[in-house]
Amino acid sequence: MKPEIMNAKVQQLDYRQKMTLVYSYIDQHLDDDLSLDVLSEVACFSKFHFHRLFSEYSGISLYKYLQLLRLKRASYQLVFNPHQSVLDIALDAAFSSPESFSRAFKKAFSQTPRDFRKKPLWEPWLEKYHFTAPRGTEHMDVRVIDFPKTLIAVLEHLGAVGKLNYSIEKFIDWRKQSKLSPVASSSTYGLVYSDPKTTDPDEFRFDVCGEVQQPVAQNDWGIINKVIPAGRYACIRHHGSHDQLDVKVRYLYCQWLSENNQNLADFPCFFEYINFFPEVAEHELITDIYIGLQ
């Protein structure tokens, strides 16, 4: 079904705003008809004009962009949903057969889906998602809350952000096997010590964390105990891809603090993951961002 959009209002938007509208529409309709006809109508451009603009703004073709988004979800399903069949994942990614899915997957990531499931090469995988796609940001509603003291089990990650998914895989395995931090009843956090855009890759630090009710004993997984201290925190809720979290983090640090005469506490910024991809669509992800206040 074609989108119902008030063309007169869309026509008043500038090019960047129109493209942001298109990206948002794609995110919300990834399993629907995303033909050139449909998307050019969303943007109120001719098909020729739209196709050229999309490639200029994204750095890749529309076909490639859509395929990479679907393959991104498929990648997470392969690794984090081990009981989901390759056939179901292929169909979910809009491929007509496992064979066509496997060919496209290997062409994109130099691994077959089955090889990726066994031992994913996350760093070259991440390189495929460095295309530029301008995104709009919704109204940034910041809350100041009292956060309770929270005991967390932590796997410390040190190294390139492209290797972070290896640490996440390891932490998930510990969580499932130990049952000390069940994901259904325990909060999940990420402590951010550095900005990957401005930090040497070997010095990037990030803690993968799960709430626990009692300290974790010494173990072979490298899981240690830390505490999120009680105190006042500024919190902003993010909807959508984790790739866009930095926009709101930067807003909190660079704008909100000074505008509200607030000072930082001595504790890193952290994320609370309310839900997870691919259990929900990427545009449905909810993540709360916290910075501590004095």
C-alpha atoms as a PDB file:
ATOM      1  CA  MET A   1       0.000   0.000   0.000  1.00  0.00           C
ATOM      2  CA  LYS A   2       1.387   3.383  -0.930  1.00  0.00           C
ATOM      3  CA  PRO A   3       2.001   5.912   1.896  1.00  0.00           C
ATOM      4  CA  GLU A   4      -0.656   8.497   2.631  1.00  0.00           C
ATOM      5  CA  ILE A   5       1.279  11.724   2.793  1.00  0.00           C
ATOM      6  CA  MET A   6       0.141  15.313   2.443  1.00  0.00           C
ATOM      7  CA  ASN A   7       2.147  16.262  -0.628  1.00  0.00           C
ATOM      8  CA  ALA A   8       1.714  19.972  -0.122  1.00  0.00           C
ATOM      9  CA  LYS A   9       3.492  19.829   3.267  1.00  0.00           C
ATOM     10  CA  VAL A  10       6.252  17.576   2.015  1.00  0.00           C
ATOM     11  CA  GLN A  11       6.878  19.898  -0.931  1.00  0.00           C
ATOM     12  CA  GLN A  12       7.732  22.671   1.544  1.00  0.00           C
ATOM     13  CA  LEU A  13      10.598  20.677   3.076  1.00  0.00           C
ATOM     14  CA  ASP A  14      14.180  21.146   1.922  1.00  0.00           C
ATOM     15  CA  TYR A  15      16.090  18.293   0.275  1.00  0.00           C
ATOM     16  CA  ARG A  16      17.728  17.069   3.457  1.00  0.00           C
ATOM     17  CA  GLN A  17      14.408  17.031   5.330  1.00  0.00           C
ATOM     18  CA  LYS A  18      12.812  15.068   2.512  1.00  0.00           C
ATOM     19  CA  MET A  19      15.596  12.498   2.550  1.00  0.00           C
ATOM     20  CA  THR A  20      15.316  12.192   6.339  1.00  0.00           C
ATOM     21  CA  LEU A  21      11.614  11.489   5.831  1.00  0.00           C
ATOM     22  CA  VAL A  22      12.514   8.748   3.352  1.00  0.00           C
ATOM     23  CA  TYR A  23      15.006   7.103   5.723  1.00  0.00           C
ATOM     24  CA  SER A  24      12.422   7.130   8.483  1.00  0.00           C
ATOM     25  CA  TYR A  25       9.819   5.615   6.165  1.00  0.00           C
ATOM     26  CA  ILE A  26      12.241   2.851   5.155  1.00  0.00           C
ATOM     27  CA  ASP A  27      13.002   2.040   8.799  1.00  0.00           C
ATOM     28  CA  GLN A  28       9.318   1.677   9.586  1.00  0.00           C
ATOM     29  CA  HIS A  29       8.383  -0.300   6.450  1.00  0.00           C
ATOM     30  CA  LEU A  30      11.389  -2.523   5.879  1.00  0.00           C
ATOM     31  CA  ASP A  31       9.167  -5.530   5.177  1.00  0.00           C
ATOM     32  CA  ASP A  32       6.808  -3.652   2.849  1.00  0.00           C
ATOM     33  CA  ASP A  33       7.007  -2.514  -0.767  1.00  0.00           C
ATOM     34  CA  LEU A  34       9.961  -0.124  -0.943  1.00  0.00           C
ATOM     35  CA  SER A  35      10.092   0.257  -4.691  1.00  0.00           C
ATOM     36  CA  LEU A  36      11.421   3.328  -6.432  1.00  0.00           C
ATOM     37  CA  ASP A  37       7.822   4.296  -7.217  1.00  0.00           C
ATOM     38  CA  VAL A  38       6.792   4.240  -3.550  1.00  0.00           C
ATOM     39  CA  LEU A  39       9.830   6.024  -2.137  1.00  0.00           C
ATOM     40  CA  SER A  40       9.943   8.729  -4.795  1.00  0.00           C
ATOM     41  CA  GLU A  41       6.313   9.469  -3.928  1.00  0.00           C
ATOM     42  CA  VAL A  42       7.218   9.688  -0.224  1.00  0.00           C
ATOM     43  CA  ALA A  43       9.833  12.312  -1.101  1.00  0.00           C
ATOM     44  CA  CYS A  44       7.678  14.046  -3.712  1.00  0.00           C
ATOM     45  CA  PHE A  45      10.407  13.715  -6.342  1.00  0.00           C
ATOM     46  CA  SER A  46      10.391  12.233  -9.803  1.00  0.00           C
ATOM     47  CA  LYS A  47      11.801   8.697  -9.874  1.00  0.00           C
ATOM     48  CA  PHE A  48      14.895   9.827 -11.774  1.00  0.00           C
ATOM     49  CA  HIS A  49      15.535  12.773  -9.459  1.00  0.00           C
ATOM     50  CA  PHE A  50      14.957  10.707  -6.328  1.00  0.00           C
ATOM     51  CA  HIS A  51      17.230   7.850  -7.381  1.00  0.00           C
ATOM     52  CA  ARG A  52      20.092  10.250  -8.070  1.00  0.00           C
ATOM     53  CA  LEU A  53      19.582  12.174  -4.820  1.00  0.00           C
ATOM     54  CA  PHE A  54      19.407   9.001  -2.757  1.00  0.00           C
ATOM     55  CA  SER A  55      22.743   7.803  -4.070  1.00  0.00           C
ATOM     56  CA  GLU A  56      24.323  11.209  -3.447  1.00  0.00           C
ATOM     57  CA  TYR A  57      23.041  11.431   0.134  1.00  0.00           C
ATOM     58  CA  SER A  58      23.688   7.793   1.085  1.00  0.00           C
ATOM     59  CA  GLY A  59      26.836   7.076  -0.867  1.00  0.00           C
ATOM     60  CA  ILE A  60      25.277   3.837  -2.168  1.00  0.00           C
ATOM     61  CA  SER A  61      22.342   2.910  -4.391  1.00  0.00           C
ATOM     62  CA  LEU A  62      18.822   2.476  -3.075  1.00  0.00           C
ATOM     63  CA  TYR A  63      18.910  -1.257  -3.876  1.00  0.00           C
ATOM     64  CA  LYS A  64      22.181  -1.734  -1.989  1.00  0.00           C
ATOM     65  CA  TYR A  65      20.962   0.318   0.971  1.00  0.00           C
ATOM     66  CA  LEU A  66      17.784  -1.735   1.351  1.00  0.00           C
ATOM     67  CA  GLN A  67      19.674  -4.998   0.983  1.00  0.00           C
ATOM     68  CA  LEU A  68      22.226  -3.996   3.624  1.00  0.00           C
ATOM     69  CA  LEU A  69      19.484  -3.066   6.101  1.00  0.00           C
ATOM     70  CA  ARG A  70      17.813  -6.433   5.623  1.00  0.00           C
ATOM     71  CA  LEU A  71      21.144  -8.259   5.814  1.00  0.00           C
ATOM     72  CA  LYS A  72      21.937  -6.386   9.027  1.00  0.00           C
ATOM     73  CA  ARG A  73      18.849  -7.812  10.698  1.00  0.00           C
ATOM     74  CA  ALA A  74      19.653 -11.232   9.218  1.00  0.00           C
ATOM     75  CA  SER A  75      23.184 -11.064  10.654  1.00  0.00           C
ATOM     76  CA  TYR A  76      21.888 -10.514  14.169  1.00  0.00           C
ATOM     77  CA  GLN A  77      19.305 -13.241  13.746  1.00  0.00           C
ATOM     78  CA  LEU A  78      21.996 -15.701  12.656  1.00  0.00           C
ATOM     79  CA  VAL A  79      24.195 -15.026  15.675  1.00  0.00           C
ATOM     80  CA  PHE A  80      21.768 -14.158  18.459  1.00  0.00           C
ATOM     81  CA  ASN A  81      18.807 -16.355  17.428  1.00  0.00           C
ATOM     82  CA  PRO A  82      20.669 -19.677  16.985  1.00  0.00           C
ATOM     83  CA  HIS A  83      17.469 -21.725  16.780  1.00  0.00           C
ATOM     84  CA  GLN A  84      15.987 -19.695  13.903  1.00  0.00           C
ATOM     85  CA  SER A  85      16.528 -21.524  10.627  1.00  0.00           C
ATOM     86  CA  VAL A  86      18.529 -20.028   7.766  1.00  0.00           C
ATOM     87  CA  LEU A  87      15.462 -20.520   5.549  1.00  0.00           C
ATOM     88  CA  ASP A  88      13.268 -18.400   7.837  1.00  0.00           C
ATOM     89  CA  ILE A  89      15.969 -15.739   8.086  1.00  0.00           C
ATOM     90  CA  ALA A  90      16.337 -15.665   4.300  1.00  0.00           C
ATOM     91  CA  LEU A  91      12.598 -15.230   3.788  1.00  0.00           C
ATOM     92  CA  ASP A  92      12.484 -12.570   6.514  1.00  0.00           C
ATOM     93  CA  ALA A  93      15.171 -10.669   4.587  1.00  0.00           C
ATOM     94  CA  ALA A  94      12.996 -10.706   1.433  1.00  0.00           C
ATOM     95  CA  PHE A  95      15.003 -13.369  -0.427  1.00  0.00           C
ATOM     96  CA  SER A  96      13.146 -16.009  -2.418  1.00  0.00           C
ATOM     97  CA  SER A  97      15.437 -18.861  -1.399  1.00  0.00           C
ATOM     98  CA  PRO A  98      18.309 -19.757   0.953  1.00  0.00           C
ATOM     99  CA  GLU A  99      20.584 -19.966  -2.106  1.00  0.00           C
ATOM    100  CA  SER A 100      19.987 -16.382  -3.220  1.00  0.00           C
ATOM    101  CA  PHE A 101      20.296 -15.229   0.390  1.00  0.00           C
ATOM    102  CA  SER A 102      23.594 -17.073   0.798  1.00  0.00           C
ATOM    103  CA  ARG A 103      25.023 -15.577  -2.406  1.00  0.00           C
ATOM    104  CA  ALA A 104      24.095 -12.023  -1.404  1.00  0.00           C
ATOM    105  CA  PHE A 105      25.329 -12.509   2.159  1.00  0.00           C
ATOM    106  CA  LYS A 106      28.690 -13.887   1.048  1.00  0.00           C
ATOM    107  CA  LYS A 107      29.108 -11.129  -1.532  1.00  0.00           C
ATOM    108  CA  ALA A 108      28.458  -8.499   1.139  1.00  0.00           C
ATOM    109  CA  PHE A 109      30.462  -9.969   4.036  1.00  0.00           C
ATOM    110  CA  SER A 110      32.809 -12.606   2.499  1.00  0.00           C
ATOM    111  CA  GLN A 111      31.208 -15.272   4.700  1.00  0.00           C
ATOM    112  CA  THR A 112      28.314 -17.618   4.090  1.00  0.00           C
ATOM    113  CA  PRO A 113      25.385 -17.295   6.508  1.00  0.00           C
ATOM    114  CA  ARG A 114      26.316 -20.622   8.130  1.00  0.00           C
ATOM    115  CA  ASP A 115      29.959 -19.594   8.559  1.00  0.00           C
ATOM    116  CA  PHE A 116      28.891 -16.235   9.980  1.00  0.00           C
ATOM    117  CA  ARG A 117      26.596 -18.003  12.451  1.00  0.00           C
ATOM    118  CA  LYS A 118      29.493 -20.186  13.647  1.00  0.00           C
ATOM    119  CA  LYS A 119      32.174 -17.489  13.801  1.00  0.00           C
ATOM    120  CA  PRO A 120      31.103 -13.980  12.738  1.00  0.00           C
ATOM    121  CA  LEU A 121      33.791 -11.582  11.550  1.00  0.00           C
ATOM    122  CA  TRP A 122      32.295  -8.448  13.063  1.00  0.00           C
ATOM    123  CA  GLU A 123      34.992  -5.938  12.126  1.00  0.00           C
ATOM    124  CA  PRO A 124      34.741  -6.208   8.301  1.00  0.00           C
ATOM    125  CA  TRP A 125      30.975  -6.562   8.762  1.00  0.00           C
ATOM    126  CA  LEU A 126      30.831  -3.196  10.527  1.00  0.00           C
ATOM    127  CA  GLU A 127      32.733  -1.515   7.685  1.00  0.00           C
ATOM    128  CA  LYS A 128      29.752  -2.164   5.405  1.00  0.00           C
ATOM    129  CA  TYR A 129      27.588   0.112   7.554  1.00  0.00           C
ATOM    130  CA  HIS A 130      29.668   3.263   7.361  1.00  0.00           C
ATOM    131  CA  PHE A 131      27.526   4.776   4.625  1.00  0.00           C
ATOM    132  CA  THR A 132      26.173   8.235   5.303  1.00  0.00           C
ATOM    133  CA  ALA A 133      22.433   8.430   5.920  1.00  0.00           C
ATOM    134  CA  PRO A 134      21.273  11.762   7.366  1.00  0.00           C
ATOM    135  CA  ARG A 135      18.771  11.322  10.172  1.00  0.00           C
ATOM    136  CA  GLY A 136      16.489  13.749  11.898  1.00  0.00           C
ATOM    137  CA  THR A 137      16.229  13.837  15.676  1.00  0.00           C
ATOM    138  CA  GLU A 138      12.990  14.052  17.573  1.00  0.00           C
ATOM    139  CA  HIS A 139      12.387  16.549  20.374  1.00  0.00           C
ATOM    140  CA  MET A 140      14.960  15.901  23.095  1.00  0.00           C
ATOM    141  CA  ASP A 141      13.026  15.619  26.341  1.00  0.00           C
ATOM    142  CA  VAL A 142      15.518  15.399  29.207  1.00  0.00           C
ATOM    143  CA  ARG A 143      14.428  14.186  32.636  1.00  0.00           C
ATOM    144  CA  VAL A 144      16.392  14.587  35.868  1.00  0.00           C
ATOM    145  CA  ILE A 145      15.843  11.528  38.035  1.00  0.00           C
ATOM    146  CA  ASP A 146      17.143   9.886  41.203  1.00  0.00           C
ATOM    147  CA  PHE A 147      18.791   6.647  40.142  1.00  0.00           C
ATOM    148  CA  PRO A 148      19.155   3.909  42.793  1.00  0.00           C
ATOM    149  CA  LYS A 149      22.430   2.180  43.615  1.00  0.00           C
ATOM    150  CA  THR A 150      22.637  -0.785  41.234  1.00  0.00           C
ATOM    151  CA  LEU A 151      24.981  -3.759  41.414  1.00  0.00           C
ATOM    152  CA  ILE A 152      26.109  -4.883  37.962  1.00  0.00           C
ATOM    153  CA  ALA A 153      28.067  -7.769  36.504  1.00  0.00           C
ATOM    154  CA  VAL A 154      30.513  -6.418  33.931  1.00  0.00           C
ATOM    155  CA  LEU A 155      32.544  -7.630  30.997  1.00  0.00           C
ATOM    156  CA  GLU A 156      35.106  -4.926  30.245  1.00  0.00           C
ATOM    157  CA  HIS A 157      35.740  -4.293  26.567  1.00  0.00           C
ATOM    158  CA  LEU A 158      38.988  -2.650  25.504  1.00  0.00           C
ATOM    159  CA  GLY A 159      39.680  -2.303  21.804  1.00  0.00           C
ATOM    160  CA  ALA A 160      38.179  -1.202  18.524  1.00  0.00           C
ATOM    161  CA  VAL A 161      34.433  -0.628  18.484  1.00  0.00           C
ATOM    162  CA  GLY A 162      34.269  -3.108  15.609  1.00  0.00           C
ATOM    163  CA  LYS A 163      35.167  -5.837  18.101  1.00  0.00           C
ATOM    164  CA  LEU A 164      32.457  -4.899  20.595  1.00  0.00           C
ATOM    165  CA  ASN A 165      30.020  -7.519  19.332  1.00  0.00           C
ATOM    166  CA  TYR A 166      32.522 -10.236  20.281  1.00  0.00           C
ATOM    167  CA  SER A 167      32.363  -8.996  23.881  1.00  0.00           C
ATOM    168  CA  ILE A 168      28.580  -8.821  23.717  1.00  0.00           C
ATOM    169  CA  GLU A 169      28.425 -12.427  22.471  1.00  0.00           C
ATOM    170  CA  LYS A 170      30.662 -13.540  25.340  1.00  0.00           C
ATOM    171  CA  PHE A 171      28.582 -11.666  27.920  1.00  0.00           C
ATOM    172  CA  ILE A 172      25.348 -13.145  26.568  1.00  0.00           C
ATOM    173  CA  ASP A 173      26.845 -16.643  26.814  1.00  0.00           C
ATOM    174  CA  TRP A 174      27.808 -16.008  30.458  1.00  0.00           C
ATOM    175  CA  ARG A 175      24.366 -14.628  31.181  1.00  0.00           C
ATOM    176  CA  LYS A 176      22.604 -17.661  29.736  1.00  0.00           C
ATOM    177  CA  GLN A 177      24.870 -20.237  31.363  1.00  0.00           C
ATOM    178  CA  SER A 178      25.232 -18.646  34.798  1.00  0.00           C
ATOM    179  CA  LYS A 179      21.580 -17.506  35.071  1.00  0.00           C
ATOM    180  CA  LEU A 180      22.813 -14.865  37.527  1.00  0.00           C
ATOM    181  CA  SER A 181      21.461 -11.962  35.467  1.00  0.00           C
ATOM    182  CA  PRO A 182      18.392 -13.210  33.577  1.00  0.00           C
ATOM    183  CA  VAL A 183      17.639 -10.802  30.753  1.00  0.00           C
ATOM    184  CA  ALA A 184      13.871 -11.066  31.294  1.00  0.00           C
ATOM    185  CA  SER A 185      14.059  -9.734  34.858  1.00  0.00           C
ATOM    186  CA  SER A 186      17.382  -7.858  35.034  1.00  0.00           C
ATOM    187  CA  SER A 187      18.267  -4.529  33.474  1.00  0.00           C
ATOM    188  CA  THR A 188      20.965  -4.380  30.799  1.00  0.00           C
ATOM    189  CA  TYR A 189      23.464  -1.533  30.652  1.00  0.00           C
ATOM    190  CA  GLY A 190      26.455  -0.277  28.718  1.00  0.00           C
ATOM    191  CA  LEU A 191      28.998   2.026  30.370  1.00  0.00           C
ATOM    192  CA  VAL A 192      30.664   4.365  27.871  1.00  0.00           C
ATOM    193  CA  TYR A 193      34.154   5.569  28.799  1.00  0.00           C
ATOM    194  CA  SER A 194      35.198   7.044  25.458  1.00  0.00           C
ATOM    195  CA  ASP A 195      33.890   8.252  22.117  1.00  0.00           C
ATOM    196  CA  PRO A 196      34.907   5.835  19.338  1.00  0.00           C
ATOM    197  CA  LYS A 197      34.998   8.746  16.889  1.00  0.00           C
ATOM    198  CA  THR A 198      37.702  10.586  18.827  1.00  0.00           C
ATOM    199  CA  THR A 199      39.531   7.719  20.578  1.00  0.00           C
ATOM    200  CA  ASP A 200      42.341   5.564  19.266  1.00  0.00           C
ATOM    201  CA  PRO A 201      40.744   2.204  18.384  1.00  0.00           C
ATOM    202  CA  ASP A 202      42.991   0.301  20.809  1.00  0.00           C
ATOM    203  CA  GLU A 203      41.942   2.593  23.663  1.00  0.00           C
ATOM    204  CA  PHE A 204      38.166   2.448  23.250  1.00  0.00           C
ATOM    205  CA  ARG A 205      36.570   1.309  26.544  1.00  0.00           C
ATOM    206  CA  PHE A 206      33.035   0.043  27.033  1.00  0.00           C
ATOM    207  CA  ASP A 207      31.525  -2.109  29.805  1.00  0.00           C
ATOM    208  CA  VAL A 208      28.853  -4.637  28.867  1.00  0.00           C
ATOM    209  CA  CYS A 209      26.697  -4.969  31.979  1.00  0.00           C
ATOM    210  CA  GLY A 210      23.758  -6.810  33.499  1.00  0.00           C
ATOM    211  CA  GLU A 211      22.027  -6.101  36.789  1.00  0.00           C
ATOM    212  CA  VAL A 212      22.635  -8.703  39.533  1.00  0.00           C
ATOM    213  CA  GLN A 213      21.215  -9.159  43.014  1.00  0.00           C
ATOM    214  CA  GLN A 214      24.462 -10.292  44.638  1.00  0.00           C
ATOM    215  CA  PRO A 215      28.151 -10.104  43.771  1.00  0.00           C
ATOM    216  CA  VAL A 216      29.394 -12.502  41.120  1.00  0.00           C
ATOM    217  CA  ALA A 217      32.092 -14.950  42.211  1.00  0.00           C
ATOM    218  CA  GLN A 218      35.433 -15.154  40.407  1.00  0.00           C
ATOM    219  CA  ASN A 219      34.891 -16.942  37.105  1.00  0.00           C
ATOM    220  CA  ASP A 220      36.520 -18.046  33.854  1.00  0.00           C
ATOM    221  CA  TRP A 221      34.496 -15.562  31.780  1.00  0.00           C
ATOM    222  CA  GLY A 222      36.258 -12.481  33.109  1.00  0.00           C
ATOM    223  CA  ILE A 223      33.009 -11.104  34.527  1.00  0.00           C
ATOM    224  CA  ILE A 224      33.633  -8.682  37.406  1.00  0.00           C
ATOM    225  CA  ASN A 225      31.511  -6.648  39.809  1.00  0.00           C
ATOM    226  CA  LYS A 226      30.877  -2.920  39.638  1.00  0.00           C
ATOM    227  CA  VAL A 227      28.251  -0.514  40.939  1.00  0.00           C
ATOM    228  CA  ILE A 228      26.232   2.254  39.316  1.00  0.00           C
ATOM    229  CA  PRO A 229      26.127   4.721  42.215  1.00  0.00           C
ATOM    230  CA  ALA A 230      22.918   6.237  43.478  1.00  0.00           C
ATOM    231  CA  GLY A 231      22.441   9.871  42.591  1.00  0.00           C
ATOM    232  CA  ARG A 232      20.923  12.457  40.301  1.00  0.00           C
ATOM    233  CA  TYR A 233      21.103  11.688  36.600  1.00  0.00           C
ATOM    234  CA  ALA A 234      19.965  13.436  33.440  1.00  0.00           C
ATOM    235  CA  CYS A 235      18.138  10.920  31.267  1.00  0.00           C
ATOM    236  CA  ILE A 236      17.072  11.148  27.656  1.00  0.00           C
ATOM    237  CA  ARG A 237      15.197   8.406  25.817  1.00  0.00           C
ATOM    238  CA  HIS A 238      16.367   7.352  22.362  1.00  0.00           C
ATOM    239  CA  HIS A 239      14.122   5.609  19.863  1.00  0.00           C
ATOM    240  CA  GLY A 240      15.708   3.727  16.982  1.00  0.00           C
ATOM    241  CA  SER A 241      19.081   2.427  15.858  1.00  0.00           C
ATOM    242  CA  HIS A 242      21.984   2.411  18.298  1.00  0.00           C
ATOM    243  CA  ASP A 243      24.037   3.934  15.478  1.00  0.00           C
ATOM    244  CA  GLN A 244      22.327   7.255  16.251  1.00  0.00           C
ATOM    245  CA  LEU A 245      22.898   7.347  20.029  1.00  0.00           C
ATOM    246  CA  ASP A 246      25.856   9.694  19.716  1.00  0.00           C
ATOM    247  CA  VAL A 247      23.590  12.559  18.573  1.00  0.00           C
ATOM    248  CA  LYS A 248      21.801  12.621  21.933  1.00  0.00           C
ATOM    249  CA  VAL A 249      24.933  11.961  23.957  1.00  0.00           C
ATOM    250  CA  ARG A 250      26.559  14.955  22.306  1.00  0.00           C
ATOM    251  CA  TYR A 251      23.452  17.066  22.987  1.00  0.00           C
ATOM    252  CA  LEU A 252      23.555  16.237  26.700  1.00  0.00           C
ATOM    253  CA  TYR A 253      27.244  17.054  27.065  1.00  0.00           C
ATOM    254  CA  CYS A 254      27.571  19.984  24.674  1.00  0.00           C
ATOM    255  CA  GLN A 255      24.267  21.786  25.096  1.00  0.00           C
ATOM    256  CA  TRP A 256      21.964  20.611  27.877  1.00  0.00           C
ATOM    257  CA  LEU A 257      24.506  20.832  30.729  1.00  0.00           C
ATOM    258  CA  SER A 258      25.407  24.471  30.055  1.00  0.00           C
ATOM    259  CA  GLU A 259      21.851  25.549  29.287  1.00  0.00           C
ATOM    260  CA  ASN A 260      20.684  24.116  32.618  1.00  0.00           C
ATOM    261  CA  ASN A 261      23.673  25.131  34.767  1.00  0.00           C
ATOM    262  CA  GLN A 262      24.480  21.531  35.675  1.00  0.00           C
ATOM    263  CA  ASN A 263      27.820  19.937  36.514  1.00  0.00           C
ATOM    264  CA  LEU A 264      28.911  16.391  35.769  1.00  0.00           C
ATOM    265  CA  ALA A 265      29.411  13.763  38.451  1.00  0.00           C
ATOM    266  CA  ASP A 266      32.490  11.548  38.317  1.00  0.00           C
ATOM    267  CA  PHE A 267      30.880   8.576  36.565  1.00  0.00           C
ATOM    268  CA  PRO A 268      30.754   7.663  32.870  1.00  0.00           C
ATOM    269  CA  CYS A 269      27.750   8.060  30.644  1.00  0.00           C
ATOM    270  CA  PHE A 270      25.743   4.843  30.427  1.00  0.00           C
ATOM    271  CA  PHE A 271      22.957   3.306  28.371  1.00  0.00           C
ATOM    272  CA  GLU A 272      20.054   1.201  29.595  1.00  0.00           C
ATOM    273  CA  TYR A 273      18.755  -1.092  26.864  1.00  0.00           C
ATOM    274  CA  ILE A 274      14.993  -1.418  27.235  1.00  0.00           C
ATOM    275  CA  ASN A 275      14.623  -3.889  24.349  1.00  0.00           C
ATOM    276  CA  PHE A 276      16.858  -5.624  21.857  1.00  0.00           C
ATOM    277  CA  PHE A 277      17.478  -6.045  18.138  1.00  0.00           C
ATOM    278  CA  PRO A 278      16.507  -8.311  16.357  1.00  0.00           C
ATOM    279  CA  GLU A 279      13.709  -9.203  18.833  1.00  0.00           C
ATOM    280  CA  VAL A 280      12.169  -5.883  17.771  1.00  0.00           C
ATOM    281  CA  ALA A 281      12.678  -3.946  14.546  1.00  0.00           C
ATOM    282  CA  GLU A 282      15.593  -1.522  14.653  1.00  0.00           C
ATOM    283  CA  HIS A 283      13.343   1.546  14.536  1.00  0.00           C
ATOM    284  CA  GLU A 284      11.465   0.189  17.601  1.00  0.00           C
ATOM    285  CA  LEU A 285      14.554   0.003  19.810  1.00  0.00           C
ATOM    286  CA  ILE A 286      14.337   1.993  23.052  1.00  0.00           C
ATOM    287  CA  THR A 287      17.482   3.064  24.877  1.00  0.00           C
ATOM    288  CA  ASP A 288      17.761   5.387  27.870  1.00  0.00           C
ATOM    289  CA  ILE A 289      20.925   7.520  28.049  1.00  0.00           C
ATOM    290  CA  TYR A 290      22.162   8.679  31.478  1.00  0.00           C
ATOM    291  CA  ILE A 291      24.786  11.161  32.625  1.00  0.00           C
ATOM    292  CA  GLY A 292      25.493  11.686  36.315  1.00  0.00           C
ATOM    293  CA  LEU A 293      25.012  15.112  37.907  1.00  0.00           C
ATOM    294  CA  GLN A 294      26.578  16.681  40.980  1.00  0.00           C
END
